[in-house]
Amino acid sequence: MPPTTIIPVLAYEDVEEAVRWLCATFGFEERWRAGNHRAQLWVGDGTIAVMDGAIGATSDSPDSVLVRVEDVDAHHERAVERGAVVSGSPTDFPYGERQYTAVDPAGHRWTFSQTIADVAPEDWGGTSVRLEPQGSG
């Protein structure tokens, strides 16, 4: 994961075209890509994720926000105690993150993520492109 706390996850019909357009038009740089369904882009010290809009939509909006937390299990417990609508317990993923997703009262999806391992994108089926933010490497 990049060293940023909040990562917007934006859904597009064509991820490859969205990546090309965002990079050419807004100056983003591609960080990594997972097939043709997901990519992560840098701009300055910020990051966004671009995903296929048809994958994983659990509410009326396919867009979501990814938030890095120190302890995803404690965060999940607090959210459940306070009545959040969550999609299961925190789960470990091969890309080195432990995550769970919740939907807020307005239907926005929030994924909370804790880094549990430093895993190269190639180790989970992705492709590295640029692993340092602009201006730092």
N, C-alpha and C. Protein backbone atom coordinates (compact mmCIF):
# COMPACT_ATOMS: atom_id res chain seq x y z
N MET A 1 0.84 -1.18 0.00
CA MET A 1 0.00 0.00 0.00
C MET A 1 0.88 1.24 0.00
N PRO A 2 0.41 2.27 -0.63
CA PRO A 2 1.17 3.52 -0.61
C PRO A 2 1.06 4.19 0.76
N PRO A 3 1.92 5.16 1.02
CA PRO A 3 1.94 5.80 2.34
C PRO A 3 0.87 6.90 2.50
N THR A 4 -0.31 6.65 2.03
CA THR A 4 -1.41 7.60 2.17
C THR A 4 -2.53 6.93 2.96
N THR A 5 -3.29 7.69 3.70
CA THR A 5 -4.31 7.11 4.57
C THR A 5 -5.61 6.81 3.86
N ILE A 6 -6.07 7.71 2.99
CA ILE A 6 -7.35 7.54 2.32
C ILE A 6 -7.12 7.42 0.82
N ILE A 7 -7.74 6.41 0.21
CA ILE A 7 -7.59 6.16 -1.22
C ILE A 7 -8.98 6.05 -1.85
N PRO A 8 -9.40 7.05 -2.65
CA PRO A 8 -10.66 6.90 -3.36
C PRO A 8 -10.58 5.76 -4.37
N VAL A 9 -11.65 5.00 -4.49
CA VAL A 9 -11.72 3.90 -5.45
C VAL A 9 -12.84 4.27 -6.42
N LEU A 10 -12.46 4.58 -7.67
CA LEU A 10 -13.40 5.07 -8.66
C LEU A 10 -13.69 3.99 -9.70
N ALA A 11 -14.95 3.81 -10.02
CA ALA A 11 -15.37 2.78 -10.97
C ALA A 11 -15.49 3.37 -12.37
N TYR A 12 -14.98 2.63 -13.34
CA TYR A 12 -15.05 3.02 -14.75
C TYR A 12 -15.48 1.82 -15.58
N GLU A 13 -16.14 2.10 -16.68
CA GLU A 13 -16.56 1.03 -17.59
C GLU A 13 -15.36 0.36 -18.24
N ASP A 14 -14.32 1.15 -18.58
CA ASP A 14 -13.11 0.63 -19.23
C ASP A 14 -11.90 1.11 -18.43
N VAL A 15 -11.33 0.22 -17.62
CA VAL A 15 -10.22 0.59 -16.75
C VAL A 15 -9.01 1.05 -17.55
N GLU A 16 -8.65 0.33 -18.62
CA GLU A 16 -7.48 0.72 -19.41
C GLU A 16 -7.63 2.11 -19.99
N GLU A 17 -8.79 2.41 -20.54
CA GLU A 17 -9.03 3.73 -21.10
C GLU A 17 -9.01 4.79 -20.00
N ALA A 18 -9.59 4.49 -18.84
CA ALA A 18 -9.57 5.44 -17.73
C ALA A 18 -8.15 5.74 -17.27
N VAL A 19 -7.31 4.71 -17.17
CA VAL A 19 -5.92 4.90 -16.77
C VAL A 19 -5.21 5.79 -17.78
N ARG A 20 -5.37 5.48 -19.07
CA ARG A 20 -4.72 6.30 -20.12
C ARG A 20 -5.16 7.76 -20.01
N TRP A 21 -6.47 7.97 -19.86
CA TRP A 21 -7.01 9.32 -19.82
C TRP A 21 -6.54 10.06 -18.57
N LEU A 22 -6.63 9.45 -17.41
CA LEU A 22 -6.22 10.10 -16.16
C LEU A 22 -4.74 10.46 -16.18
N CYS A 23 -3.92 9.56 -16.73
CA CYS A 23 -2.48 9.83 -16.80
C CYS A 23 -2.20 10.96 -17.79
N ALA A 24 -2.77 10.89 -18.97
CA ALA A 24 -2.51 11.90 -20.01
C ALA A 24 -3.11 13.26 -19.65
N THR A 25 -4.30 13.26 -19.07
CA THR A 25 -5.03 14.49 -18.85
C THR A 25 -4.72 15.16 -17.52
N PHE A 26 -4.64 14.37 -16.45
CA PHE A 26 -4.45 14.92 -15.11
C PHE A 26 -3.04 14.70 -14.55
N GLY A 27 -2.16 14.03 -15.29
CA GLY A 27 -0.80 13.83 -14.84
C GLY A 27 -0.58 12.72 -13.84
N PHE A 28 -1.56 11.81 -13.70
CA PHE A 28 -1.35 10.65 -12.82
C PHE A 28 -0.28 9.76 -13.43
N GLU A 29 0.32 8.91 -12.60
CA GLU A 29 1.24 7.88 -13.06
C GLU A 29 0.76 6.55 -12.51
N GLU A 30 0.82 5.53 -13.36
CA GLU A 30 0.34 4.22 -12.94
C GLU A 30 1.33 3.60 -11.96
N ARG A 31 0.81 3.07 -10.85
CA ARG A 31 1.63 2.42 -9.82
C ARG A 31 1.65 0.92 -10.03
N TRP A 32 0.47 0.31 -10.16
CA TRP A 32 0.37 -1.12 -10.47
C TRP A 32 -0.97 -1.39 -11.14
N ARG A 33 -1.05 -2.56 -11.75
CA ARG A 33 -2.27 -2.97 -12.42
C ARG A 33 -2.55 -4.44 -12.12
N ALA A 34 -3.82 -4.77 -11.97
CA ALA A 34 -4.27 -6.15 -11.78
C ALA A 34 -5.16 -6.49 -12.98
N GLY A 35 -4.56 -7.16 -13.95
CA GLY A 35 -5.31 -7.52 -15.16
C GLY A 35 -5.88 -6.28 -15.81
N ASN A 36 -7.12 -6.40 -16.31
CA ASN A 36 -7.77 -5.25 -16.93
C ASN A 36 -8.93 -4.74 -16.06
N HIS A 37 -8.93 -5.14 -14.75
CA HIS A 37 -10.05 -4.77 -13.90
C HIS A 37 -9.70 -3.82 -12.75
N ARG A 38 -8.42 -3.55 -12.52
CA ARG A 38 -8.07 -2.67 -11.40
C ARG A 38 -6.67 -2.11 -11.61
N ALA A 39 -6.48 -0.86 -11.18
CA ALA A 39 -5.16 -0.22 -11.24
C ALA A 39 -5.08 0.78 -10.10
N GLN A 40 -3.84 1.10 -9.72
CA GLN A 40 -3.63 2.13 -8.71
C GLN A 40 -2.73 3.19 -9.34
N LEU A 41 -3.11 4.46 -9.14
CA LEU A 41 -2.39 5.57 -9.76
C LEU A 41 -1.89 6.54 -8.70
N TRP A 42 -0.72 7.13 -8.98
CA TRP A 42 -0.14 8.16 -8.14
C TRP A 42 -0.42 9.52 -8.74
N VAL A 43 -0.51 10.52 -7.89
CA VAL A 43 -0.39 11.92 -8.28
C VAL A 43 0.18 12.63 -7.06
N GLY A 44 1.35 13.22 -7.21
CA GLY A 44 2.03 13.81 -6.06
C GLY A 44 2.20 12.76 -4.98
N ASP A 45 1.74 13.05 -3.74
CA ASP A 45 1.83 12.05 -2.68
C ASP A 45 0.47 11.40 -2.42
N GLY A 46 -0.46 11.54 -3.37
CA GLY A 46 -1.78 10.93 -3.24
C GLY A 46 -1.96 9.76 -4.20
N THR A 47 -2.96 8.97 -3.93
CA THR A 47 -3.23 7.77 -4.71
C THR A 47 -4.72 7.62 -4.94
N ILE A 48 -5.08 7.07 -6.09
CA ILE A 48 -6.44 6.63 -6.34
C ILE A 48 -6.38 5.22 -6.89
N ALA A 49 -7.45 4.48 -6.72
CA ALA A 49 -7.59 3.18 -7.36
C ALA A 49 -8.69 3.31 -8.40
N VAL A 50 -8.50 2.64 -9.52
CA VAL A 50 -9.47 2.62 -10.61
C VAL A 50 -9.91 1.18 -10.76
N MET A 51 -11.23 0.94 -10.77
CA MET A 51 -11.71 -0.44 -10.88
C MET A 51 -12.82 -0.56 -11.89
N ASP A 52 -13.02 -1.77 -12.36
CA ASP A 52 -14.12 -2.08 -13.26
C ASP A 52 -15.42 -1.85 -12.50
N GLY A 53 -16.30 -1.04 -13.02
CA GLY A 53 -17.55 -0.69 -12.36
C GLY A 53 -18.48 -1.85 -12.14
N ALA A 54 -18.31 -2.94 -12.88
CA ALA A 54 -19.20 -4.09 -12.74
C ALA A 54 -18.75 -5.04 -11.64
N ILE A 55 -17.55 -4.85 -11.09
CA ILE A 55 -17.01 -5.78 -10.10
C ILE A 55 -17.26 -5.26 -8.70
N GLY A 56 -17.86 -6.07 -7.87
CA GLY A 56 -17.93 -5.80 -6.44
C GLY A 56 -18.87 -4.70 -5.99
N ALA A 57 -19.75 -4.23 -6.85
CA ALA A 57 -20.67 -3.18 -6.40
C ALA A 57 -21.66 -3.77 -5.40
N THR A 58 -21.64 -3.23 -4.17
CA THR A 58 -22.54 -3.75 -3.14
C THR A 58 -23.58 -2.73 -2.72
N SER A 59 -23.62 -1.60 -3.41
CA SER A 59 -24.62 -0.58 -3.11
C SER A 59 -24.99 0.09 -4.42
N ASP A 60 -25.78 1.14 -4.35
CA ASP A 60 -26.17 1.85 -5.56
C ASP A 60 -24.99 2.51 -6.25
N SER A 61 -23.94 2.84 -5.52
CA SER A 61 -22.77 3.48 -6.09
C SER A 61 -21.61 2.50 -6.16
N PRO A 62 -20.98 2.35 -7.35
CA PRO A 62 -19.83 1.46 -7.44
C PRO A 62 -18.56 2.09 -6.86
N ASP A 63 -18.56 3.41 -6.65
CA ASP A 63 -17.38 4.07 -6.10
C ASP A 63 -17.29 3.79 -4.61
N SER A 64 -16.07 3.86 -4.07
CA SER A 64 -15.87 3.62 -2.65
C SER A 64 -14.64 4.38 -2.18
N VAL A 65 -14.39 4.32 -0.89
CA VAL A 65 -13.21 4.93 -0.30
C VAL A 65 -12.48 3.84 0.48
N LEU A 66 -11.17 3.76 0.28
CA LEU A 66 -10.32 2.83 1.01
C LEU A 66 -9.58 3.63 2.07
N VAL A 67 -9.67 3.18 3.33
CA VAL A 67 -9.04 3.89 4.44
C VAL A 67 -8.09 2.93 5.14
N ARG A 68 -6.83 3.34 5.26
CA ARG A 68 -5.84 2.53 5.97
C ARG A 68 -5.99 2.77 7.46
N VAL A 69 -6.02 1.69 8.24
CA VAL A 69 -6.12 1.78 9.70
C VAL A 69 -5.03 0.93 10.33
N GLU A 70 -4.73 1.21 11.59
CA GLU A 70 -3.69 0.47 12.31
C GLU A 70 -4.14 -0.93 12.72
N ASP A 71 -5.40 -1.07 13.13
CA ASP A 71 -5.91 -2.34 13.64
C ASP A 71 -7.30 -2.57 13.06
N VAL A 72 -7.36 -3.30 11.96
CA VAL A 72 -8.64 -3.49 11.26
C VAL A 72 -9.64 -4.29 12.09
N ASP A 73 -9.16 -5.22 12.92
CA ASP A 73 -10.08 -6.01 13.74
C ASP A 73 -10.77 -5.13 14.79
N ALA A 74 -10.02 -4.27 15.45
CA ALA A 74 -10.61 -3.36 16.43
C ALA A 74 -11.55 -2.37 15.74
N HIS A 75 -11.15 -1.90 14.56
CA HIS A 75 -11.99 -0.97 13.81
C HIS A 75 -13.31 -1.64 13.43
N HIS A 76 -13.23 -2.88 12.96
CA HIS A 76 -14.42 -3.65 12.58
C HIS A 76 -15.34 -3.85 13.78
N GLU A 77 -14.75 -4.22 14.92
CA GLU A 77 -15.53 -4.43 16.14
C GLU A 77 -16.29 -3.17 16.53
N ARG A 78 -15.62 -2.04 16.48
CA ARG A 78 -16.27 -0.76 16.82
C ARG A 78 -17.41 -0.47 15.85
N ALA A 79 -17.17 -0.68 14.56
CA ALA A 79 -18.21 -0.40 13.56
C ALA A 79 -19.44 -1.28 13.78
N VAL A 80 -19.21 -2.56 14.05
CA VAL A 80 -20.33 -3.49 14.30
C VAL A 80 -21.09 -3.08 15.56
N GLU A 81 -20.36 -2.76 16.63
CA GLU A 81 -21.00 -2.33 17.88
C GLU A 81 -21.88 -1.11 17.70
N ARG A 82 -21.51 -0.26 16.74
CA ARG A 82 -22.26 0.97 16.52
C ARG A 82 -23.28 0.83 15.39
N GLY A 83 -23.53 -0.40 14.96
CA GLY A 83 -24.60 -0.66 14.01
C GLY A 83 -24.28 -0.53 12.54
N ALA A 84 -23.01 -0.49 12.18
CA ALA A 84 -22.66 -0.38 10.76
C ALA A 84 -23.09 -1.64 10.00
N VAL A 85 -23.47 -1.46 8.76
CA VAL A 85 -23.78 -2.58 7.88
C VAL A 85 -22.46 -3.01 7.26
N VAL A 86 -21.95 -4.17 7.67
CA VAL A 86 -20.66 -4.65 7.17
C VAL A 86 -20.84 -5.92 6.37
N SER A 87 -19.90 -6.14 5.47
CA SER A 87 -19.95 -7.34 4.63
C SER A 87 -18.95 -8.37 5.14
N GLY A 88 -19.24 -8.96 6.30
CA GLY A 88 -18.40 -10.01 6.84
C GLY A 88 -17.31 -9.50 7.74
N SER A 89 -16.52 -10.44 8.22
CA SER A 89 -15.40 -10.14 9.12
C SER A 89 -14.18 -9.73 8.30
N PRO A 90 -13.20 -9.09 8.96
CA PRO A 90 -11.96 -8.78 8.25
C PRO A 90 -11.35 -10.04 7.65
N THR A 91 -10.82 -9.88 6.45
CA THR A 91 -10.27 -10.99 5.68
C THR A 91 -8.87 -10.66 5.21
N ASP A 92 -7.96 -11.64 5.26
CA ASP A 92 -6.61 -11.48 4.73
C ASP A 92 -6.62 -11.71 3.23
N PHE A 93 -5.92 -10.86 2.48
CA PHE A 93 -5.84 -10.98 1.03
C PHE A 93 -4.40 -11.21 0.60
N PRO A 94 -4.18 -11.87 -0.54
CA PRO A 94 -2.82 -12.21 -0.98
C PRO A 94 -1.94 -11.00 -1.29
N TYR A 95 -2.54 -9.83 -1.43
CA TYR A 95 -1.75 -8.64 -1.71
C TYR A 95 -1.26 -7.96 -0.43
N GLY A 96 -1.38 -8.65 0.71
CA GLY A 96 -0.78 -8.18 1.96
C GLY A 96 -1.66 -7.27 2.80
N GLU A 97 -2.95 -7.28 2.55
CA GLU A 97 -3.87 -6.43 3.30
C GLU A 97 -4.93 -7.28 4.00
N ARG A 98 -5.36 -6.82 5.16
CA ARG A 98 -6.49 -7.40 5.89
C ARG A 98 -7.58 -6.34 5.85
N GLN A 99 -8.77 -6.70 5.32
CA GLN A 99 -9.78 -5.69 5.04
C GLN A 99 -11.19 -6.15 5.37
N TYR A 100 -12.06 -5.16 5.57
CA TYR A 100 -13.51 -5.38 5.59
C TYR A 100 -14.17 -4.17 4.96
N THR A 101 -15.40 -4.34 4.52
CA THR A 101 -16.13 -3.25 3.86
C THR A 101 -17.45 -3.00 4.60
N ALA A 102 -17.81 -1.74 4.72
CA ALA A 102 -19.06 -1.33 5.33
C ALA A 102 -19.75 -0.34 4.41
N VAL A 103 -21.07 -0.24 4.55
CA VAL A 103 -21.85 0.72 3.78
C VAL A 103 -22.43 1.73 4.75
N ASP A 104 -22.26 3.02 4.45
CA ASP A 104 -22.78 4.05 5.35
C ASP A 104 -24.27 4.30 5.06
N PRO A 105 -24.94 5.11 5.89
CA PRO A 105 -26.38 5.32 5.72
C PRO A 105 -26.77 5.91 4.36
N ALA A 106 -25.83 6.57 3.67
CA ALA A 106 -26.13 7.14 2.36
C ALA A 106 -25.82 6.16 1.22
N GLY A 107 -25.34 4.95 1.57
CA GLY A 107 -25.03 3.95 0.55
C GLY A 107 -23.61 3.96 0.04
N HIS A 108 -22.74 4.80 0.61
CA HIS A 108 -21.34 4.83 0.20
C HIS A 108 -20.60 3.63 0.79
N ARG A 109 -19.75 2.99 -0.02
CA ARG A 109 -18.95 1.87 0.45
C ARG A 109 -17.62 2.37 1.00
N TRP A 110 -17.23 1.83 2.16
CA TRP A 110 -15.97 2.14 2.81
C TRP A 110 -15.24 0.83 3.07
N THR A 111 -14.01 0.71 2.56
CA THR A 111 -13.18 -0.46 2.86
C THR A 111 -12.08 -0.01 3.79
N PHE A 112 -11.94 -0.70 4.90
CA PHE A 112 -10.91 -0.40 5.89
C PHE A 112 -9.84 -1.48 5.79
N SER A 113 -8.58 -1.05 5.74
CA SER A 113 -7.48 -1.94 5.39
C SER A 113 -6.29 -1.76 6.31
N GLN A 114 -5.72 -2.88 6.71
CA GLN A 114 -4.50 -2.90 7.52
C GLN A 114 -3.45 -3.68 6.74
N THR A 115 -2.26 -3.10 6.57
CA THR A 115 -1.18 -3.81 5.90
C THR A 115 -0.64 -4.89 6.84
N ILE A 116 -0.61 -6.13 6.35
CA ILE A 116 -0.09 -7.24 7.16
C ILE A 116 1.16 -7.86 6.56
N ALA A 117 1.48 -7.51 5.30
CA ALA A 117 2.69 -8.01 4.65
C ALA A 117 3.03 -7.09 3.48
N ASP A 118 4.32 -6.95 3.20
CA ASP A 118 4.78 -6.18 2.06
C ASP A 118 4.94 -7.16 0.90
N VAL A 119 3.98 -7.14 -0.02
CA VAL A 119 3.94 -8.12 -1.11
C VAL A 119 4.03 -7.40 -2.45
N ALA A 120 4.97 -7.82 -3.28
CA ALA A 120 5.10 -7.25 -4.62
C ALA A 120 3.88 -7.60 -5.46
N PRO A 121 3.40 -6.69 -6.30
CA PRO A 121 2.23 -6.98 -7.13
C PRO A 121 2.37 -8.27 -7.94
N GLU A 122 3.57 -8.59 -8.39
CA GLU A 122 3.77 -9.80 -9.17
C GLU A 122 3.47 -11.07 -8.37
N ASP A 123 3.60 -10.98 -7.04
CA ASP A 123 3.35 -12.15 -6.19
C ASP A 123 1.86 -12.48 -6.04
N TRP A 124 0.97 -11.53 -6.36
CA TRP A 124 -0.46 -11.80 -6.28
C TRP A 124 -1.17 -11.65 -7.62
N GLY A 125 -0.38 -11.58 -8.72
CA GLY A 125 -0.98 -11.54 -10.05
C GLY A 125 -1.05 -10.17 -10.67
N GLY A 126 -0.50 -9.15 -9.99
CA GLY A 126 -0.50 -7.81 -10.55
C GLY A 126 0.79 -7.52 -11.30
N THR A 127 0.93 -6.29 -11.76
CA THR A 127 2.11 -5.86 -12.48
C THR A 127 2.58 -4.54 -11.90
N SER A 128 3.84 -4.47 -11.46
CA SER A 128 4.41 -3.21 -10.95
C SER A 128 4.62 -2.26 -12.11
N VAL A 129 4.36 -1.01 -11.88
CA VAL A 129 4.64 0.00 -12.88
C VAL A 129 5.54 1.07 -12.28
N ARG A 130 5.07 1.74 -11.22
CA ARG A 130 5.86 2.76 -10.51
C ARG A 130 5.52 2.67 -9.05
N LEU A 131 6.47 2.25 -8.22
CA LEU A 131 6.18 2.02 -6.81
C LEU A 131 6.53 3.19 -5.90
N GLU A 132 7.04 4.29 -6.46
CA GLU A 132 7.34 5.48 -5.66
C GLU A 132 6.50 6.63 -6.18
N PRO A 133 6.04 7.51 -5.29
CA PRO A 133 5.26 8.65 -5.77
C PRO A 133 6.10 9.62 -6.56
N GLN A 134 5.46 10.45 -7.39
CA GLN A 134 6.16 11.46 -8.17
C GLN A 134 6.96 12.34 -7.24
N GLY A 135 8.18 12.66 -7.66
CA GLY A 135 9.01 13.56 -6.88
C GLY A 135 9.77 12.92 -5.75
N SER A 136 9.60 11.60 -5.52
CA SER A 136 10.33 10.97 -4.41
C SER A 136 11.36 9.95 -4.89
N GLY A 137 11.43 9.73 -6.17
CA GLY A 137 12.36 8.70 -6.62
C GLY A 137 12.94 8.95 -7.94
